[in-house]
Amino acid sequence: MNKTTENRLGGELRSHQAARRLLEELRRGRYADAAQLPSELELADVLGVSRTVVRDALSDLERDGYLERVRGIGTLVNRDVVRVENRMDQKLEFNRMIRSIGRVPHSDNLMVTRETAVPELAAKLGLDPEREHTLVFVRRRVLAGETPVLYSTDILPLALFGGKWLDTIDFSRPIFEIVEQHCHVEVTETLTTLHAVQGVPGIRRQLGLRPEQALLQLDEICYSRTCKPVLCCQTCYTDFFDFAMVRKLI
């Protein structure tokens, strides 16, 4: 069996699955009393995969800052990083973040509109500047229980839907799931800029902010596996959330 065949499982790399499983075990406290992780062979036996898959999984976890492999010592775990939630350098799933603190996420004030692309948005989405393009704007407020916690605006070309009736799509779902299911495009990375903002009055009213409260605004361009822009997202977070970032320096 070649490496590609061995590593693929239902469209996902086995190494990614193994990395996720090992991270879950570490968060539950497994190997907490050990100075370093067991050998690749031992981990392969525990996870039920090959040593090659384990090696790739460890590389994934090291790249994300959870582990450090030190020659002559072994594979060390950064317990502080393992415990971190809501990492801004990783995919942020606000429904998961809200559930993790025992609240029920839901969205309201959903608006789906069609608007003509202004030049700035057309450029961000890699659209032909000589042509007129229609964009789909998906705006929503997200609540944790009864508390408004963020406001999001997702913008993508109407052409991505291939003529599908927008009325048949449940836009209350996460936008990446919608794009994957209905546009058959997987978002693999984003280019994100962060700003502390007051926010426009309409958004402040919907979020019920006090006069002194600011928002953390994330502006994202989201790319496919072929490095093509797919959509733009703007998300305004209240101080309900705490975020962290792991910066690998070497």
C-alpha atoms as a PDB file:
ATOM      1  CA  MET A   1       0.000   0.000   0.000  1.00  0.00           C
ATOM      2  CA  ASN A   2       1.480   3.342  -0.997  1.00  0.00           C
ATOM      3  CA  LYS A   3       1.598   6.305   1.333  1.00  0.00           C
ATOM      4  CA  THR A   4      -1.178   8.240  -0.427  1.00  0.00           C
ATOM      5  CA  THR A   5      -3.579   5.282  -0.285  1.00  0.00           C
ATOM      6  CA  GLU A   6      -2.711   4.502   3.311  1.00  0.00           C
ATOM      7  CA  ASN A   7      -3.069   8.093   4.472  1.00  0.00           C
ATOM      8  CA  ARG A   8      -6.410   8.860   2.816  1.00  0.00           C
ATOM      9  CA  LEU A   9      -9.607   8.103   4.711  1.00  0.00           C
ATOM     10  CA  GLY A  10     -12.909   9.462   3.453  1.00  0.00           C
ATOM     11  CA  GLY A  11     -11.270  12.518   1.911  1.00  0.00           C
ATOM     12  CA  GLU A  12      -9.305  13.334   5.058  1.00  0.00           C
ATOM     13  CA  LEU A  13      -5.694  12.488   5.709  1.00  0.00           C
ATOM     14  CA  ARG A  14      -5.252   9.743   8.291  1.00  0.00           C
ATOM     15  CA  SER A  15      -2.453  11.825   9.755  1.00  0.00           C
ATOM     16  CA  HIS A  16      -4.910  14.691  10.402  1.00  0.00           C
ATOM     17  CA  GLN A  17      -7.276  12.278  12.121  1.00  0.00           C
ATOM     18  CA  ALA A  18      -4.432  10.855  14.183  1.00  0.00           C
ATOM     19  CA  ALA A  19      -3.246  14.354  15.132  1.00  0.00           C
ATOM     20  CA  ARG A  20      -6.738  15.314  16.262  1.00  0.00           C
ATOM     21  CA  ARG A  21      -7.119  12.128  18.295  1.00  0.00           C
ATOM     22  CA  LEU A  22      -3.747  12.575  19.971  1.00  0.00           C
ATOM     23  CA  LEU A  23      -4.530  16.211  20.798  1.00  0.00           C
ATOM     24  CA  GLU A  24      -7.841  15.143  22.357  1.00  0.00           C
ATOM     25  CA  GLU A  25      -5.992  12.551  24.457  1.00  0.00           C
ATOM     26  CA  LEU A  26      -3.484  15.168  25.601  1.00  0.00           C
ATOM     27  CA  ARG A  27      -6.306  17.516  26.599  1.00  0.00           C
ATOM     28  CA  ARG A  28      -7.833  14.726  28.661  1.00  0.00           C
ATOM     29  CA  GLY A  29      -4.549  14.418  30.543  1.00  0.00           C
ATOM     30  CA  ARG A  30      -3.026  11.376  28.884  1.00  0.00           C
ATOM     31  CA  TYR A  31       0.777  11.296  29.265  1.00  0.00           C
ATOM     32  CA  ALA A  32       0.494  14.197  31.736  1.00  0.00           C
ATOM     33  CA  ASP A  33       3.021  12.535  34.076  1.00  0.00           C
ATOM     34  CA  ALA A  34       5.488  11.695  31.319  1.00  0.00           C
ATOM     35  CA  ALA A  35       8.482  13.873  30.517  1.00  0.00           C
ATOM     36  CA  GLN A  36       7.931  13.226  26.810  1.00  0.00           C
ATOM     37  CA  LEU A  37       5.602  11.331  24.505  1.00  0.00           C
ATOM     38  CA  PRO A  38       6.120   7.616  23.810  1.00  0.00           C
ATOM     39  CA  SER A  39       7.986   6.539  20.705  1.00  0.00           C
ATOM     40  CA  GLU A  40       6.415   6.677  17.246  1.00  0.00           C
ATOM     41  CA  LEU A  41       6.031   2.890  17.300  1.00  0.00           C
ATOM     42  CA  GLU A  42       4.161   2.969  20.623  1.00  0.00           C
ATOM     43  CA  LEU A  43       1.904   5.788  19.438  1.00  0.00           C
ATOM     44  CA  ALA A  44       1.223   3.919  16.207  1.00  0.00           C
ATOM     45  CA  ASP A  45       0.055   0.943  18.244  1.00  0.00           C
ATOM     46  CA  VAL A  46      -2.150   3.096  20.492  1.00  0.00           C
ATOM     47  CA  LEU A  47      -3.730   4.962  17.569  1.00  0.00           C
ATOM     48  CA  GLY A  48      -4.002   1.918  15.307  1.00  0.00           C
ATOM     49  CA  VAL A  49      -2.118   3.490  12.408  1.00  0.00           C
ATOM     50  CA  SER A  50       1.286   3.118  10.799  1.00  0.00           C
ATOM     51  CA  ARG A  51       4.472   4.749  12.013  1.00  0.00           C
ATOM     52  CA  THR A  52       4.462   6.924   8.876  1.00  0.00           C
ATOM     53  CA  VAL A  53       1.017   8.284   9.747  1.00  0.00           C
ATOM     54  CA  VAL A  54       2.167   8.990  13.325  1.00  0.00           C
ATOM     55  CA  ARG A  55       5.245  10.822  12.087  1.00  0.00           C
ATOM     56  CA  ASP A  56       3.092  13.037   9.861  1.00  0.00           C
ATOM     57  CA  ALA A  57       0.623  13.616  12.719  1.00  0.00           C
ATOM     58  CA  LEU A  58       3.438  14.688  15.047  1.00  0.00           C
ATOM     59  CA  SER A  59       4.669  17.085  12.368  1.00  0.00           C
ATOM     60  CA  ASP A  60       1.177  18.624  12.193  1.00  0.00           C
ATOM     61  CA  LEU A  61       1.052  19.062  15.967  1.00  0.00           C
ATOM     62  CA  GLU A  62       4.567  20.494  16.080  1.00  0.00           C
ATOM     63  CA  ARG A  63       3.727  22.971  13.330  1.00  0.00           C
ATOM     64  CA  ASP A  64       0.733  24.115  15.412  1.00  0.00           C
ATOM     65  CA  GLY A  65       2.908  24.630  18.505  1.00  0.00           C
ATOM     66  CA  TYR A  66       1.589  21.750  20.627  1.00  0.00           C
ATOM     67  CA  LEU A  67       4.818  19.731  20.479  1.00  0.00           C
ATOM     68  CA  GLU A  68       8.537  20.178  20.073  1.00  0.00           C
ATOM     69  CA  ARG A  69      10.720  17.327  18.844  1.00  0.00           C
ATOM     70  CA  VAL A  70      14.204  17.752  20.282  1.00  0.00           C
ATOM     71  CA  ARG A  71      17.061  15.614  19.076  1.00  0.00           C
ATOM     72  CA  GLY A  72      18.494  13.497  21.884  1.00  0.00           C
ATOM     73  CA  ILE A  73      15.540  14.174  24.184  1.00  0.00           C
ATOM     74  CA  GLY A  74      12.340  13.171  22.399  1.00  0.00           C
ATOM     75  CA  THR A  75       8.921  14.691  21.715  1.00  0.00           C
ATOM     76  CA  LEU A  76       7.953  17.262  24.347  1.00  0.00           C
ATOM     77  CA  VAL A  77       4.450  18.626  24.960  1.00  0.00           C
ATOM     78  CA  ASN A  78       3.730  22.298  25.558  1.00  0.00           C
ATOM     79  CA  ARG A  79       0.906  21.845  28.087  1.00  0.00           C
ATOM     80  CA  ASP A  80       0.030  25.546  28.068  1.00  0.00           C
ATOM     81  CA  VAL A  81      -0.618  25.509  24.318  1.00  0.00           C
ATOM     82  CA  VAL A  82      -2.588  22.255  24.559  1.00  0.00           C
ATOM     83  CA  ARG A  83      -4.987  23.932  27.009  1.00  0.00           C
ATOM     84  CA  VAL A  84      -5.570  26.986  24.821  1.00  0.00           C
ATOM     85  CA  GLU A  85      -9.006  27.421  23.267  1.00  0.00           C
ATOM     86  CA  ASN A  86     -10.165  29.889  20.580  1.00  0.00           C
ATOM     87  CA  ARG A  87      -6.857  30.227  18.766  1.00  0.00           C
ATOM     88  CA  MET A  88      -6.913  33.036  16.254  1.00  0.00           C
ATOM     89  CA  ASP A  89      -4.201  31.349  14.206  1.00  0.00           C
ATOM     90  CA  GLN A  90      -6.560  28.414  13.614  1.00  0.00           C
ATOM     91  CA  LYS A  91     -10.074  28.004  12.257  1.00  0.00           C
ATOM     92  CA  LEU A  92     -12.550  29.839  14.467  1.00  0.00           C
ATOM     93  CA  GLU A  93     -15.915  28.091  14.731  1.00  0.00           C
ATOM     94  CA  PHE A  94     -18.082  30.353  16.845  1.00  0.00           C
ATOM     95  CA  ASN A  95     -20.809  27.729  17.333  1.00  0.00           C
ATOM     96  CA  ARG A  96     -18.221  25.394  18.869  1.00  0.00           C
ATOM     97  CA  MET A  97     -16.751  28.224  20.956  1.00  0.00           C
ATOM     98  CA  ILE A  98     -20.181  29.065  22.363  1.00  0.00           C
ATOM     99  CA  ARG A  99     -21.040  25.428  23.123  1.00  0.00           C
ATOM    100  CA  SER A 100     -17.688  24.953  24.878  1.00  0.00           C
ATOM    101  CA  ILE A 101     -18.788  27.322  27.643  1.00  0.00           C
ATOM    102  CA  GLY A 102     -22.180  25.699  28.069  1.00  0.00           C
ATOM    103  CA  ARG A 103     -24.299  28.103  26.008  1.00  0.00           C
ATOM    104  CA  VAL A 104     -26.545  27.300  23.057  1.00  0.00           C
ATOM    105  CA  PRO A 105     -25.581  29.148  19.838  1.00  0.00           C
ATOM    106  CA  HIS A 106     -28.173  30.422  17.421  1.00  0.00           C
ATOM    107  CA  SER A 107     -28.497  33.209  14.892  1.00  0.00           C
ATOM    108  CA  ASP A 108     -31.227  35.695  14.096  1.00  0.00           C
ATOM    109  CA  ASN A 109     -31.801  38.843  12.043  1.00  0.00           C
ATOM    110  CA  LEU A 110     -30.605  36.851   9.033  1.00  0.00           C
ATOM    111  CA  MET A 111     -30.526  38.883   5.821  1.00  0.00           C
ATOM    112  CA  VAL A 112     -29.516  37.490   2.410  1.00  0.00           C
ATOM    113  CA  THR A 113     -29.269  40.124  -0.318  1.00  0.00           C
ATOM    114  CA  ARG A 114     -27.878  40.501  -3.823  1.00  0.00           C
ATOM    115  CA  GLU A 115     -25.728  43.543  -4.462  1.00  0.00           C
ATOM    116  CA  THR A 116     -23.511  44.787  -7.269  1.00  0.00           C
ATOM    117  CA  ALA A 117     -19.804  44.388  -6.522  1.00  0.00           C
ATOM    118  CA  VAL A 118     -17.913  47.602  -5.862  1.00  0.00           C
ATOM    119  CA  PRO A 119     -14.355  47.665  -7.289  1.00  0.00           C
ATOM    120  CA  GLU A 120     -12.698  47.032  -3.904  1.00  0.00           C
ATOM    121  CA  LEU A 121     -14.681  43.835  -3.287  1.00  0.00           C
ATOM    122  CA  ALA A 122     -14.293  42.693  -6.885  1.00  0.00           C
ATOM    123  CA  ALA A 123     -10.518  42.996  -6.520  1.00  0.00           C
ATOM    124  CA  LYS A 124     -10.465  41.054  -3.243  1.00  0.00           C
ATOM    125  CA  LEU A 125     -12.492  38.254  -4.824  1.00  0.00           C
ATOM    126  CA  GLY A 126     -10.315  38.144  -7.942  1.00  0.00           C
ATOM    127  CA  LEU A 127     -13.193  39.106 -10.245  1.00  0.00           C
ATOM    128  CA  ASP A 128     -12.769  40.604 -13.729  1.00  0.00           C
ATOM    129  CA  PRO A 129     -12.754  44.395 -13.198  1.00  0.00           C
ATOM    130  CA  GLU A 130     -14.122  44.975 -16.708  1.00  0.00           C
ATOM    131  CA  ARG A 131     -17.376  43.165 -15.972  1.00  0.00           C
ATOM    132  CA  GLU A 132     -20.262  43.755 -13.589  1.00  0.00           C
ATOM    133  CA  HIS A 133     -20.638  41.111 -10.876  1.00  0.00           C
ATOM    134  CA  THR A 134     -23.472  40.312  -8.491  1.00  0.00           C
ATOM    135  CA  LEU A 135     -22.513  39.374  -4.954  1.00  0.00           C
ATOM    136  CA  VAL A 136     -24.473  37.568  -2.270  1.00  0.00           C
ATOM    137  CA  PHE A 137     -24.337  39.234   1.170  1.00  0.00           C
ATOM    138  CA  VAL A 138     -25.233  37.061   4.168  1.00  0.00           C
ATOM    139  CA  ARG A 139     -25.658  39.099   7.338  1.00  0.00           C
ATOM    140  CA  ARG A 140     -26.547  37.662  10.727  1.00  0.00           C
ATOM    141  CA  ARG A 141     -26.402  38.226  14.442  1.00  0.00           C
ATOM    142  CA  VAL A 142     -25.198  35.323  16.573  1.00  0.00           C
ATOM    143  CA  LEU A 143     -26.265  34.812  20.176  1.00  0.00           C
ATOM    144  CA  ALA A 144     -25.040  32.634  23.019  1.00  0.00           C
ATOM    145  CA  GLY A 145     -28.305  31.787  24.688  1.00  0.00           C
ATOM    146  CA  GLU A 146     -29.966  35.187  24.940  1.00  0.00           C
ATOM    147  CA  THR A 147     -26.723  37.199  24.753  1.00  0.00           C
ATOM    148  CA  PRO A 148     -25.720  38.773  21.399  1.00  0.00           C
ATOM    149  CA  VAL A 149     -22.026  37.992  20.900  1.00  0.00           C
ATOM    150  CA  LEU A 150     -21.112  38.733  17.283  1.00  0.00           C
ATOM    151  CA  TYR A 151     -22.306  40.088  13.956  1.00  0.00           C
ATOM    152  CA  SER A 152     -21.072  38.599  10.706  1.00  0.00           C
ATOM    153  CA  THR A 153     -21.220  39.601   7.052  1.00  0.00           C
ATOM    154  CA  ASP A 154     -20.205  37.011   4.452  1.00  0.00           C
ATOM    155  CA  ILE A 155     -19.796  38.079   0.820  1.00  0.00           C
ATOM    156  CA  LEU A 156     -19.443  35.737  -2.152  1.00  0.00           C
ATOM    157  CA  PRO A 157     -20.080  35.843  -5.899  1.00  0.00           C
ATOM    158  CA  LEU A 158     -23.560  34.782  -6.980  1.00  0.00           C
ATOM    159  CA  ALA A 159     -21.907  32.833  -9.823  1.00  0.00           C
ATOM    160  CA  LEU A 160     -20.503  30.370  -7.271  1.00  0.00           C
ATOM    161  CA  PHE A 161     -23.997  28.934  -6.809  1.00  0.00           C
ATOM    162  CA  GLY A 162     -24.239  27.907 -10.451  1.00  0.00           C
ATOM    163  CA  GLY A 163     -27.797  29.127 -10.949  1.00  0.00           C
ATOM    164  CA  LYS A 164     -29.143  27.450  -7.807  1.00  0.00           C
ATOM    165  CA  TRP A 165     -32.131  29.178  -6.208  1.00  0.00           C
ATOM    166  CA  LEU A 166     -30.902  30.934  -3.075  1.00  0.00           C
ATOM    167  CA  ASP A 167     -34.307  30.447  -1.451  1.00  0.00           C
ATOM    168  CA  THR A 168     -33.599  26.695  -1.244  1.00  0.00           C
ATOM    169  CA  ILE A 169     -30.443  27.194   0.873  1.00  0.00           C
ATOM    170  CA  ASP A 170     -30.402  27.364   4.675  1.00  0.00           C
ATOM    171  CA  PHE A 171     -28.145  30.368   5.217  1.00  0.00           C
ATOM    172  CA  SER A 172     -28.385  30.062   8.993  1.00  0.00           C
ATOM    173  CA  ARG A 173     -25.735  27.322   8.778  1.00  0.00           C
ATOM    174  CA  PRO A 174     -21.971  28.079   8.944  1.00  0.00           C
ATOM    175  CA  ILE A 175     -20.918  29.744   5.704  1.00  0.00           C
ATOM    176  CA  PHE A 176     -18.037  27.332   4.995  1.00  0.00           C
ATOM    177  CA  GLU A 177     -20.473  24.407   5.154  1.00  0.00           C
ATOM    178  CA  ILE A 178     -22.795  26.202   2.729  1.00  0.00           C
ATOM    179  CA  VAL A 179     -19.969  26.886   0.278  1.00  0.00           C
ATOM    180  CA  GLU A 180     -18.756  23.292   0.429  1.00  0.00           C
ATOM    181  CA  GLN A 181     -22.211  21.750  -0.008  1.00  0.00           C
ATOM    182  CA  HIS A 182     -23.770  24.113  -2.536  1.00  0.00           C
ATOM    183  CA  CYS A 183     -20.759  25.555  -4.372  1.00  0.00           C
ATOM    184  CA  HIS A 184     -18.565  22.437  -4.126  1.00  0.00           C
ATOM    185  CA  VAL A 185     -15.593  24.471  -2.950  1.00  0.00           C
ATOM    186  CA  GLU A 186     -13.568  23.796   0.194  1.00  0.00           C
ATOM    187  CA  VAL A 187     -12.073  26.788   2.002  1.00  0.00           C
ATOM    188  CA  THR A 188      -8.584  25.848   3.164  1.00  0.00           C
ATOM    189  CA  GLU A 189      -7.062  29.103   4.406  1.00  0.00           C
ATOM    190  CA  THR A 190      -7.838  32.726   5.129  1.00  0.00           C
ATOM    191  CA  LEU A 191      -5.906  35.971   5.091  1.00  0.00           C
ATOM    192  CA  THR A 192      -7.070  37.831   8.181  1.00  0.00           C
ATOM    193  CA  THR A 193      -6.624  41.374   9.428  1.00  0.00           C
ATOM    194  CA  LEU A 194      -7.714  42.450  12.921  1.00  0.00           C
ATOM    195  CA  HIS A 195      -8.992  45.821  14.066  1.00  0.00           C
ATOM    196  CA  ALA A 196     -10.362  47.273  17.278  1.00  0.00           C
ATOM    197  CA  VAL A 197     -13.415  49.241  16.138  1.00  0.00           C
ATOM    198  CA  GLN A 198     -16.443  51.042  17.510  1.00  0.00           C
ATOM    199  CA  GLY A 199     -18.633  49.497  14.828  1.00  0.00           C
ATOM    200  CA  VAL A 200     -21.412  51.151  12.869  1.00  0.00           C
ATOM    201  CA  PRO A 201     -24.497  52.228  14.867  1.00  0.00           C
ATOM    202  CA  GLY A 202     -26.740  49.521  13.395  1.00  0.00           C
ATOM    203  CA  ILE A 203     -24.426  46.718  14.484  1.00  0.00           C
ATOM    204  CA  ARG A 204     -23.879  48.280  17.910  1.00  0.00           C
ATOM    205  CA  ARG A 205     -27.636  48.405  18.459  1.00  0.00           C
ATOM    206  CA  GLN A 206     -28.086  44.770  17.444  1.00  0.00           C
ATOM    207  CA  LEU A 207     -25.323  43.683  19.808  1.00  0.00           C
ATOM    208  CA  GLY A 208     -26.641  45.807  22.678  1.00  0.00           C
ATOM    209  CA  LEU A 209     -23.268  47.393  23.390  1.00  0.00           C
ATOM    210  CA  ARG A 210     -22.559  49.860  26.150  1.00  0.00           C
ATOM    211  CA  PRO A 211     -21.073  53.208  25.017  1.00  0.00           C
ATOM    212  CA  GLU A 212     -17.568  52.264  26.198  1.00  0.00           C
ATOM    213  CA  GLN A 213     -17.542  48.815  24.568  1.00  0.00           C
ATOM    214  CA  ALA A 214     -15.412  48.268  21.470  1.00  0.00           C
ATOM    215  CA  LEU A 215     -15.514  45.381  19.005  1.00  0.00           C
ATOM    216  CA  LEU A 216     -12.826  43.117  17.618  1.00  0.00           C
ATOM    217  CA  GLN A 217     -13.328  43.081  13.848  1.00  0.00           C
ATOM    218  CA  LEU A 218     -11.856  40.314  11.698  1.00  0.00           C
ATOM    219  CA  ASP A 219     -11.707  40.957   7.955  1.00  0.00           C
ATOM    220  CA  GLU A 220     -10.953  37.789   6.025  1.00  0.00           C
ATOM    221  CA  ILE A 221     -10.350  36.751   2.438  1.00  0.00           C
ATOM    222  CA  CYS A 222     -11.012  33.024   2.210  1.00  0.00           C
ATOM    223  CA  TYR A 223      -9.176  30.853  -0.318  1.00  0.00           C
ATOM    224  CA  SER A 224      -9.749  27.471  -1.920  1.00  0.00           C
ATOM    225  CA  ARG A 225      -7.211  24.681  -2.191  1.00  0.00           C
ATOM    226  CA  THR A 226      -6.195  26.142  -5.564  1.00  0.00           C
ATOM    227  CA  CYS A 227      -5.327  29.460  -3.843  1.00  0.00           C
ATOM    228  CA  LYS A 228      -8.278  31.279  -5.439  1.00  0.00           C
ATOM    229  CA  PRO A 229     -10.363  33.769  -3.418  1.00  0.00           C
ATOM    230  CA  VAL A 230     -13.802  32.319  -2.660  1.00  0.00           C
ATOM    231  CA  LEU A 231     -15.475  34.772  -0.295  1.00  0.00           C
ATOM    232  CA  CYS A 232     -14.864  37.669   2.057  1.00  0.00           C
ATOM    233  CA  CYS A 233     -15.982  37.651   5.682  1.00  0.00           C
ATOM    234  CA  GLN A 234     -16.261  40.445   8.205  1.00  0.00           C
ATOM    235  CA  THR A 235     -16.985  39.393  11.783  1.00  0.00           C
ATOM    236  CA  CYS A 236     -17.405  41.743  14.730  1.00  0.00           C
ATOM    237  CA  TYR A 237     -16.865  40.041  18.111  1.00  0.00           C
ATOM    238  CA  THR A 238     -17.929  41.440  21.465  1.00  0.00           C
ATOM    239  CA  ASP A 239     -15.854  40.990  24.612  1.00  0.00           C
ATOM    240  CA  PHE A 240     -17.847  37.826  25.354  1.00  0.00           C
ATOM    241  CA  PHE A 241     -14.970  35.924  23.721  1.00  0.00           C
ATOM    242  CA  ASP A 242     -11.345  35.540  24.788  1.00  0.00           C
ATOM    243  CA  PHE A 243      -8.879  34.732  22.035  1.00  0.00           C
ATOM    244  CA  ALA A 244      -5.285  33.499  21.964  1.00  0.00           C
ATOM    245  CA  MET A 245      -2.619  33.176  19.302  1.00  0.00           C
ATOM    246  CA  VAL A 246       0.403  30.871  19.118  1.00  0.00           C
ATOM    247  CA  ARG A 247       3.337  32.329  17.215  1.00  0.00           C
ATOM    248  CA  LYS A 248       6.011  29.886  16.061  1.00  0.00           C
ATOM    249  CA  LEU A 249       9.300  31.765  15.879  1.00  0.00           C
ATOM    250  CA  ILE A 250      11.541  28.949  14.621  1.00  0.00           C
END
